[in-house]
Amino acid sequence: MASVIIIGFTIYKWIIGDTVSFNEIMSCSIVLSSLLSAITWGSREEGDGPSQEDELGQHITYKSAKISYFVLMALLLLALVADKWIFGRENMTLLLVFAISMIVLPLTEWIVSKQYR
């Protein structure tokens, strides 16, 4: 119930033209993240479908993490292009985050592979 209130209040502020601040955005993100996780994995009592602990659940987590990494990189690139075209400027912070995001996966793979050598 509280999640509906948080999201509803944020939408209401946005519709009336009031400033939606960091707190509202983060609250909505946390609520939606928790809701999607609960929908995906359900409760332990249900017993239908994979759980996060079994092999299939770990495979689902691995595959979705890798896909979401590339989706996030694409969204960062789109934000960079939109910032350049709409505002005519280069957002150096966003550019730096995009550059770092290109390095994170190969660096992580290298670190993990060192454990198995």
C-alpha atoms as a PDB file:
ATOM      1  CA  MET A   1       0.000   0.000   0.000  1.00  0.00           C
ATOM      2  CA  ALA A   2       2.811   2.403   0.838  1.00  0.00           C
ATOM      3  CA  SER A   3       4.387   1.752  -2.552  1.00  0.00           C
ATOM      4  CA  VAL A   4       1.247   2.919  -4.328  1.00  0.00           C
ATOM      5  CA  ILE A   5       1.239   6.087  -2.230  1.00  0.00           C
ATOM      6  CA  ILE A   6       4.907   6.828  -2.997  1.00  0.00           C
ATOM      7  CA  ILE A   7       4.511   6.335  -6.743  1.00  0.00           C
ATOM      8  CA  GLY A   8       1.153   8.124  -6.825  1.00  0.00           C
ATOM      9  CA  PHE A   9       2.527  11.138  -4.970  1.00  0.00           C
ATOM     10  CA  THR A  10       5.483  11.368  -7.357  1.00  0.00           C
ATOM     11  CA  ILE A  11       3.205  11.180 -10.408  1.00  0.00           C
ATOM     12  CA  TYR A  12       0.924  13.812  -8.852  1.00  0.00           C
ATOM     13  CA  LYS A  13       3.883  16.183  -8.294  1.00  0.00           C
ATOM     14  CA  TRP A  14       5.024  15.655 -11.875  1.00  0.00           C
ATOM     15  CA  ILE A  15       1.536  16.284 -13.326  1.00  0.00           C
ATOM     16  CA  ILE A  16       0.981  19.540 -11.412  1.00  0.00           C
ATOM     17  CA  GLY A  17       4.403  20.774 -12.484  1.00  0.00           C
ATOM     18  CA  ASP A  18       6.046  20.630  -9.070  1.00  0.00           C
ATOM     19  CA  THR A  19       9.708  19.643  -8.862  1.00  0.00           C
ATOM     20  CA  VAL A  20      10.305  15.916  -8.516  1.00  0.00           C
ATOM     21  CA  SER A  21      13.401  15.641  -6.357  1.00  0.00           C
ATOM     22  CA  PHE A  22      16.080  13.035  -5.783  1.00  0.00           C
ATOM     23  CA  ASN A  23      14.130  11.523  -2.869  1.00  0.00           C
ATOM     24  CA  GLU A  24      11.018  10.822  -4.930  1.00  0.00           C
ATOM     25  CA  ILE A  25      12.999   9.342  -7.819  1.00  0.00           C
ATOM     26  CA  MET A  26      15.022   7.072  -5.524  1.00  0.00           C
ATOM     27  CA  SER A  27      11.929   6.021  -3.558  1.00  0.00           C
ATOM     28  CA  CYS A  28      10.106   5.056  -6.753  1.00  0.00           C
ATOM     29  CA  SER A  29      13.163   3.155  -7.987  1.00  0.00           C
ATOM     30  CA  ILE A  30      13.469   1.175  -4.753  1.00  0.00           C
ATOM     31  CA  VAL A  31       9.747   0.393  -4.659  1.00  0.00           C
ATOM     32  CA  LEU A  32       9.649  -0.725  -8.306  1.00  0.00           C
ATOM     33  CA  SER A  33      12.820  -2.786  -7.883  1.00  0.00           C
ATOM     34  CA  SER A  34      11.380  -4.575  -4.852  1.00  0.00           C
ATOM     35  CA  LEU A  35       8.056  -5.134  -6.584  1.00  0.00           C
ATOM     36  CA  LEU A  36       9.653  -6.597  -9.718  1.00  0.00           C
ATOM     37  CA  SER A  37      11.889  -8.855  -7.620  1.00  0.00           C
ATOM     38  CA  ALA A  38       8.889 -10.115  -5.660  1.00  0.00           C
ATOM     39  CA  ILE A  39       6.969 -10.776  -8.874  1.00  0.00           C
ATOM     40  CA  THR A  40       9.935 -12.599 -10.429  1.00  0.00           C
ATOM     41  CA  TRP A  41      10.859 -14.878  -7.537  1.00  0.00           C
ATOM     42  CA  GLY A  42       7.590 -15.048  -5.602  1.00  0.00           C
ATOM     43  CA  SER A  43       7.564 -16.447  -2.110  1.00  0.00           C
ATOM     44  CA  ARG A  44       9.313 -19.583  -0.883  1.00  0.00           C
ATOM     45  CA  GLU A  45       5.986 -21.133   0.095  1.00  0.00           C
ATOM     46  CA  GLU A  46       4.614 -21.126  -3.458  1.00  0.00           C
ATOM     47  CA  GLY A  47       7.158 -23.605  -4.777  1.00  0.00           C
ATOM     48  CA  ASP A  48       6.217 -23.010  -8.415  1.00  0.00           C
ATOM     49  CA  GLY A  49       9.094 -22.031 -10.645  1.00  0.00           C
ATOM     50  CA  PRO A  50      12.763 -21.549  -9.951  1.00  0.00           C
ATOM     51  CA  SER A  51      14.171 -20.028  -6.799  1.00  0.00           C
ATOM     52  CA  GLN A  52      17.159 -17.723  -6.645  1.00  0.00           C
ATOM     53  CA  GLU A  53      19.232 -20.386  -4.895  1.00  0.00           C
ATOM     54  CA  ASP A  54      18.942 -23.235  -7.413  1.00  0.00           C
ATOM     55  CA  GLU A  55      20.973 -23.599 -10.618  1.00  0.00           C
ATOM     56  CA  LEU A  56      18.242 -22.291 -12.917  1.00  0.00           C
ATOM     57  CA  GLY A  57      17.735 -19.252 -10.693  1.00  0.00           C
ATOM     58  CA  GLN A  58      21.443 -18.489 -10.767  1.00  0.00           C
ATOM     59  CA  HIS A  59      21.457 -18.841 -14.566  1.00  0.00           C
ATOM     60  CA  ILE A  60      18.493 -16.459 -14.825  1.00  0.00           C
ATOM     61  CA  THR A  61      20.283 -13.963 -12.572  1.00  0.00           C
ATOM     62  CA  TYR A  62      23.524 -14.199 -14.582  1.00  0.00           C
ATOM     63  CA  LYS A  63      21.825 -13.841 -17.952  1.00  0.00           C
ATOM     64  CA  SER A  64      19.591 -10.960 -16.863  1.00  0.00           C
ATOM     65  CA  ALA A  65      22.562  -9.137 -15.300  1.00  0.00           C
ATOM     66  CA  LYS A  66      24.547  -9.344 -18.518  1.00  0.00           C
ATOM     67  CA  ILE A  67      21.584  -8.229 -20.658  1.00  0.00           C
ATOM     68  CA  SER A  68      20.800  -5.350 -18.298  1.00  0.00           C
ATOM     69  CA  TYR A  69      24.438  -4.229 -18.456  1.00  0.00           C
ATOM     70  CA  PHE A  70      24.241  -3.798 -22.236  1.00  0.00           C
ATOM     71  CA  VAL A  71      20.801  -2.161 -22.031  1.00  0.00           C
ATOM     72  CA  LEU A  72      22.189   0.315 -19.502  1.00  0.00           C
ATOM     73  CA  MET A  73      25.143   1.085 -21.775  1.00  0.00           C
ATOM     74  CA  ALA A  74      22.768   1.716 -24.686  1.00  0.00           C
ATOM     75  CA  LEU A  75      20.638   4.029 -22.535  1.00  0.00           C
ATOM     76  CA  LEU A  76      23.739   5.936 -21.442  1.00  0.00           C
ATOM     77  CA  LEU A  77      24.770   6.346 -25.072  1.00  0.00           C
ATOM     78  CA  LEU A  78      21.282   7.573 -25.995  1.00  0.00           C
ATOM     79  CA  ALA A  79      21.394  10.058 -23.104  1.00  0.00           C
ATOM     80  CA  LEU A  80      24.753  11.341 -24.348  1.00  0.00           C
ATOM     81  CA  VAL A  81      23.461  11.766 -27.898  1.00  0.00           C
ATOM     82  CA  ALA A  82      20.243  13.429 -26.693  1.00  0.00           C
ATOM     83  CA  ASP A  83      22.187  15.802 -24.460  1.00  0.00           C
ATOM     84  CA  LYS A  84      24.387  16.806 -27.380  1.00  0.00           C
ATOM     85  CA  TRP A  85      21.521  17.255 -29.853  1.00  0.00           C
ATOM     86  CA  ILE A  86      18.930  18.826 -27.541  1.00  0.00           C
ATOM     87  CA  PHE A  87      21.118  21.049 -25.376  1.00  0.00           C
ATOM     88  CA  GLY A  88      24.109  21.403 -27.693  1.00  0.00           C
ATOM     89  CA  ARG A  89      26.598  20.569 -24.976  1.00  0.00           C
ATOM     90  CA  GLU A  90      28.648  17.633 -23.845  1.00  0.00           C
ATOM     91  CA  ASN A  91      27.882  16.364 -20.369  1.00  0.00           C
ATOM     92  CA  MET A  92      31.328  15.342 -19.151  1.00  0.00           C
ATOM     93  CA  THR A  93      29.986  13.462 -16.127  1.00  0.00           C
ATOM     94  CA  LEU A  94      27.722  11.345 -18.307  1.00  0.00           C
ATOM     95  CA  LEU A  95      30.556  10.827 -20.791  1.00  0.00           C
ATOM     96  CA  LEU A  96      32.836   9.662 -17.974  1.00  0.00           C
ATOM     97  CA  VAL A  97      30.200   7.242 -16.652  1.00  0.00           C
ATOM     98  CA  PHE A  98      29.703   5.847 -20.167  1.00  0.00           C
ATOM     99  CA  ALA A  99      33.461   5.385 -20.617  1.00  0.00           C
ATOM    100  CA  ILE A 100      33.719   3.597 -17.265  1.00  0.00           C
ATOM    101  CA  SER A 101      30.737   1.396 -18.136  1.00  0.00           C
ATOM    102  CA  MET A 102      32.591   0.186 -21.227  1.00  0.00           C
ATOM    103  CA  ILE A 103      35.448  -0.994 -19.014  1.00  0.00           C
ATOM    104  CA  VAL A 104      33.489  -2.585 -16.159  1.00  0.00           C
ATOM    105  CA  LEU A 105      32.481  -5.890 -17.814  1.00  0.00           C
ATOM    106  CA  PRO A 106      35.878  -6.797 -19.303  1.00  0.00           C
ATOM    107  CA  LEU A 107      37.625  -5.810 -16.071  1.00  0.00           C
ATOM    108  CA  THR A 108      35.228  -7.889 -13.988  1.00  0.00           C
ATOM    109  CA  GLU A 109      35.592 -10.873 -16.321  1.00  0.00           C
ATOM    110  CA  TRP A 110      39.385 -10.595 -16.052  1.00  0.00           C
ATOM    111  CA  ILE A 111      39.271 -10.456 -12.240  1.00  0.00           C
ATOM    112  CA  VAL A 112      36.919 -13.452 -12.027  1.00  0.00           C
ATOM    113  CA  SER A 113      38.993 -15.442 -14.522  1.00  0.00           C
ATOM    114  CA  LYS A 114      42.077 -14.904 -12.334  1.00  0.00           C
ATOM    115  CA  GLN A 115      40.317 -16.904  -9.594  1.00  0.00           C
ATOM    116  CA  TYR A 116      40.162 -19.979 -11.848  1.00  0.00           C
ATOM    117  CA  ARG A 117      43.746 -19.901 -13.087  1.00  0.00           C
END
